[in-house]
Amino acid sequence: MNSYKDFWSKKELETYIFLLCANADAIESASELNLIKSKVDIKTFEKIYREFSEDTEEDRFEKIEDAINKHDYSHMELGQLRKEMEEIFMSDSKMSMMESNIKRIMNNMLY
């Protein structure tokens, strides 16, 4: 049986990370979800959203960390990913404390 680590593409991983960012304050706003959908095709979004919704917070971080280690991201790609994460955090014009914590955790995972 294949696991997420065996089949997540970079785009799928990034979608999962973006969903984590949108869900950081436990509220996925329409603007956050629309922004994510604008970055990925709908089939990928729906597949990853289903998986994300079924995972615990602990599972989410473990999956992300494992998948990041699987892919060989360049410094430019990581910079772009961080920029897009910031867009999602700020799509509702404010950054909550929980969003700041997720940002810090993700920055540690990515670097």
PDB file of N, CA and C in Angstrom:
ATOM      1  N   MET A   1       0.844  -1.194   0.000  1.00  0.00           N
ATOM      2  CA  MET A   1       0.000   0.000   0.000  1.00  0.00           C
ATOM      3  C   MET A   1       0.877   1.240   0.000  1.00  0.00           C
ATOM      4  N   ASN A   2       0.597   2.172  -0.874  1.00  0.00           N
ATOM      5  CA  ASN A   2       1.372   3.406  -0.943  1.00  0.00           C
ATOM      6  C   ASN A   2       0.912   4.377   0.125  1.00  0.00           C
ATOM      7  N   SER A   3       1.830   5.157   0.615  1.00  0.00           N
ATOM      8  CA  SER A   3       1.489   6.201   1.573  1.00  0.00           C
ATOM      9  C   SER A   3       1.648   7.543   0.888  1.00  0.00           C
ATOM     10  N   TYR A   4       1.239   8.601   1.553  1.00  0.00           N
ATOM     11  CA  TYR A   4       1.352   9.948   1.010  1.00  0.00           C
ATOM     12  C   TYR A   4       2.775  10.257   0.612  1.00  0.00           C
ATOM     13  N   LYS A   5       3.752   9.708   1.350  1.00  0.00           N
ATOM     14  CA  LYS A   5       5.155   9.998   1.068  1.00  0.00           C
ATOM     15  C   LYS A   5       5.566   9.461  -0.293  1.00  0.00           C
ATOM     16  N   ASP A   6       4.882   8.433  -0.758  1.00  0.00           N
ATOM     17  CA  ASP A   6       5.241   7.804  -2.015  1.00  0.00           C
ATOM     18  C   ASP A   6       4.624   8.504  -3.222  1.00  0.00           C
ATOM     19  N   PHE A   7       3.583   9.265  -3.017  1.00  0.00           N
ATOM     20  CA  PHE A   7       2.911   9.789  -4.195  1.00  0.00           C
ATOM     21  C   PHE A   7       2.601  11.277  -4.180  1.00  0.00           C
ATOM     22  N   TRP A   8       2.887  11.999  -3.128  1.00  0.00           N
ATOM     23  CA  TRP A   8       2.614  13.434  -3.149  1.00  0.00           C
ATOM     24  C   TRP A   8       3.594  14.137  -4.082  1.00  0.00           C
ATOM     25  N   SER A   9       3.072  14.856  -5.031  1.00  0.00           N
ATOM     26  CA  SER A   9       3.911  15.718  -5.872  1.00  0.00           C
ATOM     27  C   SER A   9       4.217  16.988  -5.073  1.00  0.00           C
ATOM     28  N   LYS A  10       5.105  17.805  -5.605  1.00  0.00           N
ATOM     29  CA  LYS A  10       5.380  19.089  -4.942  1.00  0.00           C
ATOM     30  C   LYS A  10       4.109  19.926  -4.865  1.00  0.00           C
ATOM     31  N   LYS A  11       3.330  19.917  -5.936  1.00  0.00           N
ATOM     32  CA  LYS A  11       2.093  20.717  -5.960  1.00  0.00           C
ATOM     33  C   LYS A  11       1.114  20.226  -4.907  1.00  0.00           C
ATOM     34  N   GLU A  12       1.014  18.918  -4.733  1.00  0.00           N
ATOM     35  CA  GLU A  12       0.122  18.367  -3.706  1.00  0.00           C
ATOM     36  C   GLU A  12       0.625  18.738  -2.309  1.00  0.00           C
ATOM     37  N   LEU A  13       1.923  18.623  -2.103  1.00  0.00           N
ATOM     38  CA  LEU A  13       2.500  19.017  -0.811  1.00  0.00           C
ATOM     39  C   LEU A  13       2.240  20.489  -0.536  1.00  0.00           C
ATOM     40  N   GLU A  14       2.471  21.322  -1.516  1.00  0.00           N
ATOM     41  CA  GLU A  14       2.243  22.759  -1.332  1.00  0.00           C
ATOM     42  C   GLU A  14       0.775  23.042  -1.028  1.00  0.00           C
ATOM     43  N   THR A  15      -0.122  22.341  -1.681  1.00  0.00           N
ATOM     44  CA  THR A  15      -1.559  22.511  -1.411  1.00  0.00           C
ATOM     45  C   THR A  15      -1.858  22.136   0.037  1.00  0.00           C
ATOM     46  N   TYR A  16      -1.276  21.046   0.494  1.00  0.00           N
ATOM     47  CA  TYR A  16      -1.489  20.602   1.873  1.00  0.00           C
ATOM     48  C   TYR A  16      -0.945  21.655   2.855  1.00  0.00           C
ATOM     49  N   ILE A  17       0.231  22.192   2.557  1.00  0.00           N
ATOM     50  CA  ILE A  17       0.819  23.248   3.400  1.00  0.00           C
ATOM     51  C   ILE A  17      -0.081  24.475   3.403  1.00  0.00           C
ATOM     52  N   PHE A  18      -0.591  24.859   2.238  1.00  0.00           N
ATOM     53  CA  PHE A  18      -1.471  26.030   2.160  1.00  0.00           C
ATOM     54  C   PHE A  18      -2.744  25.809   2.975  1.00  0.00           C
ATOM     55  N   LEU A  19      -3.262  24.600   2.951  1.00  0.00           N
ATOM     56  CA  LEU A  19      -4.447  24.293   3.763  1.00  0.00           C
ATOM     57  C   LEU A  19      -4.128  24.388   5.248  1.00  0.00           C
ATOM     58  N   LEU A  20      -2.940  23.946   5.633  1.00  0.00           N
ATOM     59  CA  LEU A  20      -2.521  24.089   7.030  1.00  0.00           C
ATOM     60  C   LEU A  20      -2.473  25.567   7.408  1.00  0.00           C
ATOM     61  N   CYS A  21      -1.941  26.383   6.533  1.00  0.00           N
ATOM     62  CA  CYS A  21      -1.879  27.827   6.782  1.00  0.00           C
ATOM     63  C   CYS A  21      -3.279  28.419   6.919  1.00  0.00           C
ATOM     64  N   ALA A  22      -4.171  28.025   6.028  1.00  0.00           N
ATOM     65  CA  ALA A  22      -5.548  28.543   6.060  1.00  0.00           C
ATOM     66  C   ALA A  22      -6.276  28.095   7.318  1.00  0.00           C
ATOM     67  N   ASN A  23      -5.937  26.918   7.810  1.00  0.00           N
ATOM     68  CA  ASN A  23      -6.618  26.335   8.973  1.00  0.00           C
ATOM     69  C   ASN A  23      -5.935  26.687  10.293  1.00  0.00           C
ATOM     70  N   ALA A  24      -4.880  27.474  10.249  1.00  0.00           N
ATOM     71  CA  ALA A  24      -4.085  27.762  11.444  1.00  0.00           C
ATOM     72  C   ALA A  24      -4.916  28.306  12.598  1.00  0.00           C
ATOM     73  N   ASP A  25      -5.882  29.152  12.288  1.00  0.00           N
ATOM     74  CA  ASP A  25      -6.733  29.727  13.325  1.00  0.00           C
ATOM     75  C   ASP A  25      -8.064  28.981  13.441  1.00  0.00           C
ATOM     76  N   ALA A  26      -8.089  27.764  12.894  1.00  0.00           N
ATOM     77  CA  ALA A  26      -9.254  26.870  12.934  1.00  0.00           C
ATOM     78  C   ALA A  26     -10.429  27.383  12.109  1.00  0.00           C
ATOM     79  N   ILE A  27     -10.183  28.408  11.300  1.00  0.00           N
ATOM     80  CA  ILE A  27     -11.221  28.957  10.436  1.00  0.00           C
ATOM     81  C   ILE A  27     -10.641  29.080   9.030  1.00  0.00           C
ATOM     82  N   GLU A  28     -11.156  28.292   8.114  1.00  0.00           N
ATOM     83  CA  GLU A  28     -10.736  28.385   6.713  1.00  0.00           C
ATOM     84  C   GLU A  28     -11.697  29.335   6.023  1.00  0.00           C
ATOM     85  N   SER A  29     -11.274  30.556   5.848  1.00  0.00           N
ATOM     86  CA  SER A  29     -12.174  31.538   5.240  1.00  0.00           C
ATOM     87  C   SER A  29     -12.307  31.280   3.745  1.00  0.00           C
ATOM     88  N   ALA A  30     -13.375  31.805   3.192  1.00  0.00           N
ATOM     89  CA  ALA A  30     -13.612  31.668   1.746  1.00  0.00           C
ATOM     90  C   ALA A  30     -12.470  32.308   0.967  1.00  0.00           C
ATOM     91  N   SER A  31     -11.965  33.434   1.437  1.00  0.00           N
ATOM     92  CA  SER A  31     -10.874  34.099   0.722  1.00  0.00           C
ATOM     93  C   SER A  31      -9.608  33.250   0.744  1.00  0.00           C
ATOM     94  N   GLU A  32      -9.340  32.582   1.872  1.00  0.00           N
ATOM     95  CA  GLU A  32      -8.169  31.702   1.952  1.00  0.00           C
ATOM     96  C   GLU A  32      -8.319  30.507   1.016  1.00  0.00           C
ATOM     97  N   LEU A  33      -9.482  29.877   1.041  1.00  0.00           N
ATOM     98  CA  LEU A  33      -9.710  28.714   0.178  1.00  0.00           C
ATOM     99  C   LEU A  33      -9.700  29.095  -1.302  1.00  0.00           C
ATOM    100  N   ASN A  34     -10.261  30.236  -1.635  1.00  0.00           N
ATOM    101  CA  ASN A  34     -10.249  30.693  -3.027  1.00  0.00           C
ATOM    102  C   ASN A  34      -8.834  30.977  -3.505  1.00  0.00           C
ATOM    103  N   LEU A  35      -8.019  31.538  -2.625  1.00  0.00           N
ATOM    104  CA  LEU A  35      -6.618  31.798  -2.974  1.00  0.00           C
ATOM    105  C   LEU A  35      -5.881  30.485  -3.241  1.00  0.00           C
ATOM    106  N   ILE A  36      -6.107  29.492  -2.396  1.00  0.00           N
ATOM    107  CA  ILE A  36      -5.479  28.182  -2.601  1.00  0.00           C
ATOM    108  C   ILE A  36      -5.957  27.574  -3.916  1.00  0.00           C
ATOM    109  N   LYS A  37      -7.250  27.628  -4.150  1.00  0.00           N
ATOM    110  CA  LYS A  37      -7.806  27.067  -5.393  1.00  0.00           C
ATOM    111  C   LYS A  37      -7.230  27.745  -6.632  1.00  0.00           C
ATOM    112  N   SER A  38      -6.865  29.018  -6.509  1.00  0.00           N
ATOM    113  CA  SER A  38      -6.291  29.731  -7.648  1.00  0.00           C
ATOM    114  C   SER A  38      -4.866  29.265  -7.960  1.00  0.00           C
ATOM    115  N   LYS A  39      -4.253  28.555  -7.035  1.00  0.00           N
ATOM    116  CA  LYS A  39      -2.877  28.098  -7.192  1.00  0.00           C
ATOM    117  C   LYS A  39      -2.768  26.658  -7.678  1.00  0.00           C
ATOM    118  N   VAL A  40      -3.886  25.943  -7.744  1.00  0.00           N
ATOM    119  CA  VAL A  40      -3.858  24.516  -8.062  1.00  0.00           C
ATOM    120  C   VAL A  40      -5.127  24.126  -8.811  1.00  0.00           C
ATOM    121  N   ASP A  41      -5.053  23.055  -9.572  1.00  0.00           N
ATOM    122  CA  ASP A  41      -6.261  22.601 -10.263  1.00  0.00           C
ATOM    123  C   ASP A  41      -7.248  22.028  -9.242  1.00  0.00           C
ATOM    124  N   ILE A  42      -8.516  22.044  -9.592  1.00  0.00           N
ATOM    125  CA  ILE A  42      -9.593  21.665  -8.658  1.00  0.00           C
ATOM    126  C   ILE A  42      -9.505  20.207  -8.236  1.00  0.00           C
ATOM    127  N   LYS A  43      -9.088  19.321  -9.127  1.00  0.00           N
ATOM    128  CA  LYS A  43      -8.968  17.903  -8.790  1.00  0.00           C
ATOM    129  C   LYS A  43      -7.930  17.694  -7.683  1.00  0.00           C
ATOM    130  N   THR A  44      -6.795  18.356  -7.823  1.00  0.00           N
ATOM    131  CA  THR A  44      -5.756  18.260  -6.795  1.00  0.00           C
ATOM    132  C   THR A  44      -6.243  18.860  -5.491  1.00  0.00           C
ATOM    133  N   PHE A  45      -6.891  20.025  -5.582  1.00  0.00           N
ATOM    134  CA  PHE A  45      -7.401  20.664  -4.371  1.00  0.00           C
ATOM    135  C   PHE A  45      -8.359  19.741  -3.629  1.00  0.00           C
ATOM    136  N   GLU A  46      -9.316  19.179  -4.339  1.00  0.00           N
ATOM    137  CA  GLU A  46     -10.318  18.331  -3.690  1.00  0.00           C
ATOM    138  C   GLU A  46      -9.687  17.081  -3.068  1.00  0.00           C
ATOM    139  N   LYS A  47      -8.762  16.465  -3.768  1.00  0.00           N
ATOM    140  CA  LYS A  47      -8.072  15.274  -3.251  1.00  0.00           C
ATOM    141  C   LYS A  47      -7.313  15.595  -1.963  1.00  0.00           C
ATOM    142  N   ILE A  48      -6.542  16.667  -1.996  1.00  0.00           N
ATOM    143  CA  ILE A  48      -5.729  17.024  -0.835  1.00  0.00           C
ATOM    144  C   ILE A  48      -6.607  17.563   0.291  1.00  0.00           C
ATOM    145  N   TYR A  49      -7.656  18.306  -0.035  1.00  0.00           N
ATOM    146  CA  TYR A  49      -8.554  18.826   0.998  1.00  0.00           C
ATOM    147  C   TYR A  49      -9.238  17.692   1.763  1.00  0.00           C
ATOM    148  N   ARG A  50      -9.647  16.662   1.038  1.00  0.00           N
ATOM    149  CA  ARG A  50     -10.257  15.485   1.679  1.00  0.00           C
ATOM    150  C   ARG A  50      -9.272  14.846   2.656  1.00  0.00           C
ATOM    151  N   GLU A  51      -8.050  14.641   2.195  1.00  0.00           N
ATOM    152  CA  GLU A  51      -7.039  14.026   3.053  1.00  0.00           C
ATOM    153  C   GLU A  51      -6.730  14.916   4.248  1.00  0.00           C
ATOM    154  N   PHE A  52      -6.560  16.200   4.003  1.00  0.00           N
ATOM    155  CA  PHE A  52      -6.259  17.155   5.073  1.00  0.00           C
ATOM    156  C   PHE A  52      -7.349  17.136   6.138  1.00  0.00           C
ATOM    157  N   SER A  53      -8.594  17.107   5.703  1.00  0.00           N
ATOM    158  CA  SER A  53      -9.730  17.145   6.623  1.00  0.00           C
ATOM    159  C   SER A  53      -9.801  15.925   7.535  1.00  0.00           C
ATOM    160  N   GLU A  54      -9.260  14.810   7.077  1.00  0.00           N
ATOM    161  CA  GLU A  54      -9.298  13.576   7.862  1.00  0.00           C
ATOM    162  C   GLU A  54      -8.108  13.426   8.807  1.00  0.00           C
ATOM    163  N   ASP A  55      -7.084  14.255   8.650  1.00  0.00           N
ATOM    164  CA  ASP A  55      -5.861  14.124   9.445  1.00  0.00           C
ATOM    165  C   ASP A  55      -5.936  14.920  10.740  1.00  0.00           C
ATOM    166  N   THR A  56      -5.253  14.412  11.759  1.00  0.00           N
ATOM    167  CA  THR A  56      -5.098  15.160  13.002  1.00  0.00           C
ATOM    168  C   THR A  56      -3.993  16.186  12.812  1.00  0.00           C
ATOM    169  N   GLU A  57      -3.890  17.123  13.726  1.00  0.00           N
ATOM    170  CA  GLU A  57      -2.829  18.126  13.638  1.00  0.00           C
ATOM    171  C   GLU A  57      -1.451  17.458  13.667  1.00  0.00           C
ATOM    172  N   GLU A  58      -1.291  16.464  14.516  1.00  0.00           N
ATOM    173  CA  GLU A  58      -0.014  15.749  14.595  1.00  0.00           C
ATOM    174  C   GLU A  58       0.310  15.062  13.274  1.00  0.00           C
ATOM    175  N   ASP A  59      -0.691  14.410  12.672  1.00  0.00           N
ATOM    176  CA  ASP A  59      -0.499  13.765  11.373  1.00  0.00           C
ATOM    177  C   ASP A  59      -0.086  14.785  10.318  1.00  0.00           C
ATOM    178  N   ARG A  60      -0.710  15.940  10.355  1.00  0.00           N
ATOM    179  CA  ARG A  60      -0.433  16.973   9.359  1.00  0.00           C
ATOM    180  C   ARG A  60       1.033  17.382   9.382  1.00  0.00           C
ATOM    181  N   PHE A  61       1.547  17.672  10.559  1.00  0.00           N
ATOM    182  CA  PHE A  61       2.940  18.090  10.661  1.00  0.00           C
ATOM    183  C   PHE A  61       3.895  16.967  10.272  1.00  0.00           C
ATOM    184  N   GLU A  62       3.574  15.760  10.664  1.00  0.00           N
ATOM    185  CA  GLU A  62       4.430  14.619  10.325  1.00  0.00           C
ATOM    186  C   GLU A  62       4.457  14.401   8.813  1.00  0.00           C
ATOM    187  N   LYS A  63       3.293  14.457   8.189  1.00  0.00           N
ATOM    188  CA  LYS A  63       3.216  14.269   6.738  1.00  0.00           C
ATOM    189  C   LYS A  63       4.004  15.356   6.003  1.00  0.00           C
ATOM    190  N   ILE A  64       3.828  16.587   6.438  1.00  0.00           N
ATOM    191  CA  ILE A  64       4.521  17.702   5.787  1.00  0.00           C
ATOM    192  C   ILE A  64       6.024  17.537   5.929  1.00  0.00           C
ATOM    193  N   GLU A  65       6.479  17.262   7.123  1.00  0.00           N
ATOM    194  CA  GLU A  65       7.922  17.121   7.347  1.00  0.00           C
ATOM    195  C   GLU A  65       8.503  15.986   6.505  1.00  0.00           C
ATOM    196  N   ASP A  66       7.825  14.849   6.483  1.00  0.00           N
ATOM    197  CA  ASP A  66       8.298  13.714   5.685  1.00  0.00           C
ATOM    198  C   ASP A  66       8.329  14.055   4.195  1.00  0.00           C
ATOM    199  N   ALA A  67       7.292  14.709   3.716  1.00  0.00           N
ATOM    200  CA  ALA A  67       7.209  15.032   2.288  1.00  0.00           C
ATOM    201  C   ALA A  67       8.219  16.110   1.889  1.00  0.00           C
ATOM    202  N   ILE A  68       8.460  17.080   2.763  1.00  0.00           N
ATOM    203  CA  ILE A  68       9.474  18.103   2.478  1.00  0.00           C
ATOM    204  C   ILE A  68      10.827  17.435   2.306  1.00  0.00           C
ATOM    205  N   ASN A  69      11.121  16.490   3.177  1.00  0.00           N
ATOM    206  CA  ASN A  69      12.407  15.795   3.110  1.00  0.00           C
ATOM    207  C   ASN A  69      12.532  14.951   1.841  1.00  0.00           C
ATOM    208  N   LYS A  70      11.422  14.503   1.297  1.00  0.00           N
ATOM    209  CA  LYS A  70      11.424  13.689   0.081  1.00  0.00           C
ATOM    210  C   LYS A  70      11.767  14.522  -1.152  1.00  0.00           C
ATOM    211  N   HIS A  71      11.284  15.747  -1.191  1.00  0.00           N
ATOM    212  CA  HIS A  71      11.488  16.612  -2.355  1.00  0.00           C
ATOM    213  C   HIS A  71      12.751  17.443  -2.191  1.00  0.00           C
ATOM    214  N   ASP A  72      13.370  17.726  -3.299  1.00  0.00           N
ATOM    215  CA  ASP A  72      14.586  18.526  -3.310  1.00  0.00           C
ATOM    216  C   ASP A  72      14.225  19.949  -3.730  1.00  0.00           C
ATOM    217  N   TYR A  73      13.876  20.775  -2.759  1.00  0.00           N
ATOM    218  CA  TYR A  73      13.502  22.154  -3.039  1.00  0.00           C
ATOM    219  C   TYR A  73      14.741  23.028  -3.152  1.00  0.00           C
ATOM    220  N   SER A  74      14.754  23.894  -4.147  1.00  0.00           N
ATOM    221  CA  SER A  74      15.824  24.881  -4.267  1.00  0.00           C
ATOM    222  C   SER A  74      15.523  26.040  -3.312  1.00  0.00           C
ATOM    223  N   HIS A  75      16.508  26.892  -3.095  1.00  0.00           N
ATOM    224  CA  HIS A  75      16.287  28.064  -2.240  1.00  0.00           C
ATOM    225  C   HIS A  75      15.221  28.977  -2.846  1.00  0.00           C
ATOM    226  N   MET A  76      15.214  29.073  -4.177  1.00  0.00           N
ATOM    227  CA  MET A  76      14.199  29.899  -4.841  1.00  0.00           C
ATOM    228  C   MET A  76      12.806  29.331  -4.629  1.00  0.00           C
ATOM    229  N   GLU A  77      12.672  28.019  -4.757  1.00  0.00           N
ATOM    230  CA  GLU A  77      11.364  27.389  -4.550  1.00  0.00           C
ATOM    231  C   GLU A  77      10.896  27.582  -3.114  1.00  0.00           C
ATOM    232  N   LEU A  78      11.800  27.444  -2.150  1.00  0.00           N
ATOM    233  CA  LEU A  78      11.426  27.639  -0.748  1.00  0.00           C
ATOM    234  C   LEU A  78      11.012  29.082  -0.494  1.00  0.00           C
ATOM    235  N   GLY A  79      11.724  30.013  -1.093  1.00  0.00           N
ATOM    236  CA  GLY A  79      11.357  31.424  -0.958  1.00  0.00           C
ATOM    237  C   GLY A  79       9.981  31.702  -1.527  1.00  0.00           C
ATOM    238  N   GLN A  80       9.692  31.108  -2.680  1.00  0.00           N
ATOM    239  CA  GLN A  80       8.370  31.279  -3.304  1.00  0.00           C
ATOM    240  C   GLN A  80       7.280  30.646  -2.444  1.00  0.00           C
ATOM    241  N   LEU A  81       7.562  29.470  -1.897  1.00  0.00           N
ATOM    242  CA  LEU A  81       6.599  28.794  -1.025  1.00  0.00           C
ATOM    243  C   LEU A  81       6.296  29.652   0.205  1.00  0.00           C
ATOM    244  N   ARG A  82       7.337  30.198   0.817  1.00  0.00           N
ATOM    245  CA  ARG A  82       7.134  31.078   1.987  1.00  0.00           C
ATOM    246  C   ARG A  82       6.303  32.303   1.612  1.00  0.00           C
ATOM    247  N   LYS A  83       6.557  32.871   0.434  1.00  0.00           N
ATOM    248  CA  LYS A  83       5.798  34.039  -0.032  1.00  0.00           C
ATOM    249  C   LYS A  83       4.318  33.680  -0.192  1.00  0.00           C
ATOM    250  N   GLU A  84       4.045  32.521  -0.783  1.00  0.00           N
ATOM    251  CA  GLU A  84       2.660  32.101  -0.984  1.00  0.00           C
ATOM    252  C   GLU A  84       1.975  31.770   0.343  1.00  0.00           C
ATOM    253  N   MET A  85       2.722  31.215   1.280  1.00  0.00           N
ATOM    254  CA  MET A  85       2.159  30.964   2.618  1.00  0.00           C
ATOM    255  C   MET A  85       1.760  32.293   3.264  1.00  0.00           C
ATOM    256  N   GLU A  86       2.621  33.282   3.132  1.00  0.00           N
ATOM    257  CA  GLU A  86       2.344  34.613   3.692  1.00  0.00           C
ATOM    258  C   GLU A  86       1.080  35.205   3.071  1.00  0.00           C
ATOM    259  N   GLU A  87       0.896  35.020   1.765  1.00  0.00           N
ATOM    260  CA  GLU A  87      -0.316  35.508   1.097  1.00  0.00           C
ATOM    261  C   GLU A  87      -1.563  34.890   1.728  1.00  0.00           C
ATOM    262  N   ILE A  88      -1.490  33.611   2.033  1.00  0.00           N
ATOM    263  CA  ILE A  88      -2.651  32.939   2.627  1.00  0.00           C
ATOM    264  C   ILE A  88      -2.896  33.454   4.036  1.00  0.00           C
ATOM    265  N   PHE A  89      -1.832  33.581   4.820  1.00  0.00           N
ATOM    266  CA  PHE A  89      -1.991  34.116   6.173  1.00  0.00           C
ATOM    267  C   PHE A  89      -2.628  35.500   6.141  1.00  0.00           C
ATOM    268  N   MET A  90      -2.236  36.315   5.180  1.00  0.00           N
ATOM    269  CA  MET A  90      -2.685  37.704   5.142  1.00  0.00           C
ATOM    270  C   MET A  90      -3.918  37.927   4.260  1.00  0.00           C
ATOM    271  N   SER A  91      -4.492  36.872   3.710  1.00  0.00           N
ATOM    272  CA  SER A  91      -5.638  37.040   2.814  1.00  0.00           C
ATOM    273  C   SER A  91      -6.855  37.633   3.510  1.00  0.00           C
ATOM    274  N   ASP A  92      -6.907  37.508   4.835  1.00  0.00           N
ATOM    275  CA  ASP A  92      -7.995  38.130   5.586  1.00  0.00           C
ATOM    276  C   ASP A  92      -7.523  39.404   6.293  1.00  0.00           C
ATOM    277  N   SER A  93      -6.374  39.918   5.865  1.00  0.00           N
ATOM    278  CA  SER A  93      -5.807  41.202   6.313  1.00  0.00           C
ATOM    279  C   SER A  93      -5.330  41.230   7.761  1.00  0.00           C
ATOM    280  N   LYS A  94      -5.208  40.072   8.385  1.00  0.00           N
ATOM    281  CA  LYS A  94      -4.675  40.041   9.748  1.00  0.00           C
ATOM    282  C   LYS A  94      -3.972  38.716   9.984  1.00  0.00           C
ATOM    283  N   MET A  95      -3.002  38.731  10.897  1.00  0.00           N
ATOM    284  CA  MET A  95      -2.320  37.497  11.250  1.00  0.00           C
ATOM    285  C   MET A  95      -2.541  37.252  12.743  1.00  0.00           C
ATOM    286  N   SER A  96      -3.247  36.181  13.028  1.00  0.00           N
ATOM    287  CA  SER A  96      -3.531  35.840  14.425  1.00  0.00           C
ATOM    288  C   SER A  96      -2.297  35.217  15.071  1.00  0.00           C
ATOM    289  N   MET A  97      -2.344  35.069  16.378  1.00  0.00           N
ATOM    290  CA  MET A  97      -1.242  34.445  17.097  1.00  0.00           C
ATOM    291  C   MET A  97      -1.054  32.999  16.633  1.00  0.00           C
ATOM    292  N   MET A  98      -2.143  32.294  16.406  1.00  0.00           N
ATOM    293  CA  MET A  98      -2.041  30.903  15.942  1.00  0.00           C
ATOM    294  C   MET A  98      -1.420  30.832  14.555  1.00  0.00           C
ATOM    295  N   GLU A  99      -1.758  31.774  13.696  1.00  0.00           N
ATOM    296  CA  GLU A  99      -1.157  31.813  12.363  1.00  0.00           C
ATOM    297  C   GLU A  99       0.339  32.114  12.479  1.00  0.00           C
ATOM    298  N   SER A 100       0.703  33.002  13.368  1.00  0.00           N
ATOM    299  CA  SER A 100       2.125  33.301  13.589  1.00  0.00           C
ATOM    300  C   SER A 100       2.881  32.065  14.073  1.00  0.00           C
ATOM    301  N   ASN A 101       2.247  31.279  14.923  1.00  0.00           N
ATOM    302  CA  ASN A 101       2.884  30.051  15.405  1.00  0.00           C
ATOM    303  C   ASN A 101       3.077  29.048  14.278  1.00  0.00           C
ATOM    304  N   ILE A 102       2.069  28.879  13.437  1.00  0.00           N
ATOM    305  CA  ILE A 102       2.185  27.960  12.297  1.00  0.00           C
ATOM    306  C   ILE A 102       3.275  28.457  11.350  1.00  0.00           C
ATOM    307  N   LYS A 103       3.330  29.749  11.136  1.00  0.00           N
ATOM    308  CA  LYS A 103       4.365  30.327  10.270  1.00  0.00           C
ATOM    309  C   LYS A 103       5.752  29.991  10.812  1.00  0.00           C
ATOM    310  N   ARG A 104       5.946  30.142  12.100  1.00  0.00           N
ATOM    311  CA  ARG A 104       7.236  29.854  12.729  1.00  0.00           C
ATOM    312  C   ARG A 104       7.590  28.373  12.591  1.00  0.00           C
ATOM    313  N   ILE A 105       6.622  27.508  12.856  1.00  0.00           N
ATOM    314  CA  ILE A 105       6.838  26.061  12.738  1.00  0.00           C
ATOM    315  C   ILE A 105       7.202  25.690  11.300  1.00  0.00           C
ATOM    316  N   MET A 106       6.463  26.240  10.341  1.00  0.00           N
ATOM    317  CA  MET A 106       6.725  25.923   8.939  1.00  0.00           C
ATOM    318  C   MET A 106       8.077  26.457   8.497  1.00  0.00           C
ATOM    319  N   ASN A 107       8.449  27.645   8.953  1.00  0.00           N
ATOM    320  CA  ASN A 107       9.765  28.177   8.616  1.00  0.00           C
ATOM    321  C   ASN A 107      10.867  27.262   9.129  1.00  0.00           C
ATOM    322  N   ASN A 108      10.679  26.719  10.322  1.00  0.00           N
ATOM    323  CA  ASN A 108      11.666  25.779  10.868  1.00  0.00           C
ATOM    324  C   ASN A 108      11.732  24.501  10.049  1.00  0.00           C
ATOM    325  N   MET A 109      10.595  24.029   9.571  1.00  0.00           N
ATOM    326  CA  MET A 109      10.574  22.807   8.754  1.00  0.00           C
ATOM    327  C   MET A 109      11.226  23.029   7.386  1.00  0.00           C
ATOM    328  N   LEU A 110      11.009  24.197   6.834  1.00  0.00           N
ATOM    329  CA  LEU A 110      11.490  24.472   5.484  1.00  0.00           C
ATOM    330  C   LEU A 110      12.972  24.804   5.426  1.00  0.00           C
ATOM    331  N   TYR A 111      13.556  25.222   6.549  1.00  0.00           N
ATOM    332  CA  TYR A 111      14.975  25.620   6.529  1.00  0.00           C
ATOM    333  C   TYR A 111      15.790  24.832   7.490  1.00  0.00           C
TER     334      TYR A 111
END
